[in-house]
């Protein structure tokens, strides 16, 4: 089962309720909204989509289907930006 983890080469810092990140290699920066920031925090260790959804469903008032769709969308975008990587 595919698991995801942070790309630890990315520098990050908290500004109010958003996380700002910089990819030194690409010289670009990103800002994550509250939910994406929480996903990033949870990805300190490798987690599957199911693991993430289980944790987020305990914290947010959202139905399981919507949570999974949102998590998949966030993971796809974060992976495209090089912020996270998948491991098998």
Protein backbone atom coordinates (compact mmCIF):
# COMPACT_ATOMS: atom_id res chain seq x y z
CA UNK A 1 0.00 0.00 0.00
CA UNK A 2 1.35 3.41 -0.98
CA UNK A 3 2.45 5.64 1.89
CA UNK A 4 3.39 9.31 1.82
CA UNK A 5 6.01 11.23 3.77
CA UNK A 6 7.40 14.76 3.84
CA UNK A 7 10.27 15.79 1.65
CA UNK A 8 12.61 16.83 4.44
CA UNK A 9 14.63 19.04 2.10
CA UNK A 10 11.82 21.60 2.21
CA UNK A 11 12.11 24.44 4.71
CA UNK A 12 8.89 25.46 6.44
CA UNK A 13 7.64 28.00 8.95
CA UNK A 14 4.31 28.95 10.49
CA UNK A 15 2.73 32.35 9.80
CA UNK A 16 -0.58 32.71 11.63
CA UNK A 17 -2.63 29.63 10.66
CA UNK A 18 -0.80 28.96 7.39
CA UNK A 19 2.40 27.10 6.72
CA UNK A 20 4.87 28.73 4.36
CA UNK A 21 7.40 26.45 2.69
CA UNK A 22 10.44 26.92 0.49
CA UNK A 23 12.01 24.46 -1.87
CA UNK A 24 15.66 25.51 -1.87
CA UNK A 25 16.53 23.40 -4.92
CA UNK A 26 13.81 24.99 -7.07
CA UNK A 27 13.98 28.41 -5.42
CA UNK A 28 10.23 28.58 -5.00
CA UNK A 29 7.90 28.95 -2.05
CA UNK A 30 4.41 27.74 -1.20
CA UNK A 31 1.67 28.54 1.28
CA UNK A 32 -0.58 25.79 2.63
CA UNK A 33 -4.09 26.32 3.93
CA UNK A 34 -5.20 24.96 7.30
CA UNK A 35 -6.15 21.46 6.12
CA UNK A 36 -3.03 21.06 3.95
CA UNK A 37 -0.94 22.27 6.89
CA UNK A 38 -2.49 19.59 9.10
CA UNK A 39 -1.78 16.92 6.47
CA UNK A 40 1.84 18.13 6.32
CA UNK A 41 2.12 17.91 10.12
CA UNK A 42 0.74 14.36 10.10
CA UNK A 43 3.20 13.29 7.40
CA UNK A 44 6.16 13.51 9.74
CA UNK A 45 6.14 9.73 9.44
CA UNK A 46 4.89 7.61 6.52
CA UNK A 47 1.09 7.35 6.29
CA UNK A 48 -1.40 5.95 3.80
CA UNK A 49 -4.41 7.88 2.53
CA UNK A 50 -6.53 5.74 4.83
CA UNK A 51 -4.34 6.61 7.83
CA UNK A 52 -4.64 10.31 7.06
CA UNK A 53 -8.41 10.13 6.61
CA UNK A 54 -8.84 8.23 9.88
CA UNK A 55 -6.90 10.93 11.75
CA UNK A 56 -8.60 13.85 10.01
CA UNK A 57 -12.09 12.46 10.50
CA UNK A 58 -11.46 12.62 14.25
CA UNK A 59 -10.51 16.31 14.00
CA UNK A 60 -12.82 17.74 11.34
CA UNK A 61 -16.58 17.61 10.81
CA UNK A 62 -16.54 16.14 7.31
CA UNK A 63 -17.95 12.98 5.76
CA UNK A 64 -15.60 10.15 4.84
CA UNK A 65 -16.04 10.47 1.07
CA UNK A 66 -15.35 14.21 1.04
CA UNK A 67 -12.34 13.73 3.33
CA UNK A 68 -10.82 11.11 1.06
CA UNK A 69 -11.33 13.27 -2.04
CA UNK A 70 -9.78 16.31 -0.33
CA UNK A 71 -6.83 14.29 1.02
CA UNK A 72 -6.15 12.77 -2.41
CA UNK A 73 -6.30 16.22 -4.03
CA UNK A 74 -3.93 17.73 -1.45
CA UNK A 75 -1.49 14.82 -1.71
CA UNK A 76 -1.46 15.01 -5.50
CA UNK A 77 -0.73 18.74 -5.47
CA UNK A 78 1.88 18.43 -2.71
CA UNK A 79 3.60 15.64 -4.60
CA UNK A 80 3.60 17.66 -7.86
CA UNK A 81 5.24 20.51 -5.96
CA UNK A 82 7.87 18.16 -4.51
CA UNK A 83 6.74 18.77 -0.93
CA UNK A 84 6.05 15.09 -0.24
CA UNK A 85 7.07 11.77 -1.73
CA UNK A 86 5.45 8.37 -1.91
CA UNK A 87 7.04 5.19 -0.69
CA UNK A 88 5.86 1.61 -1.20
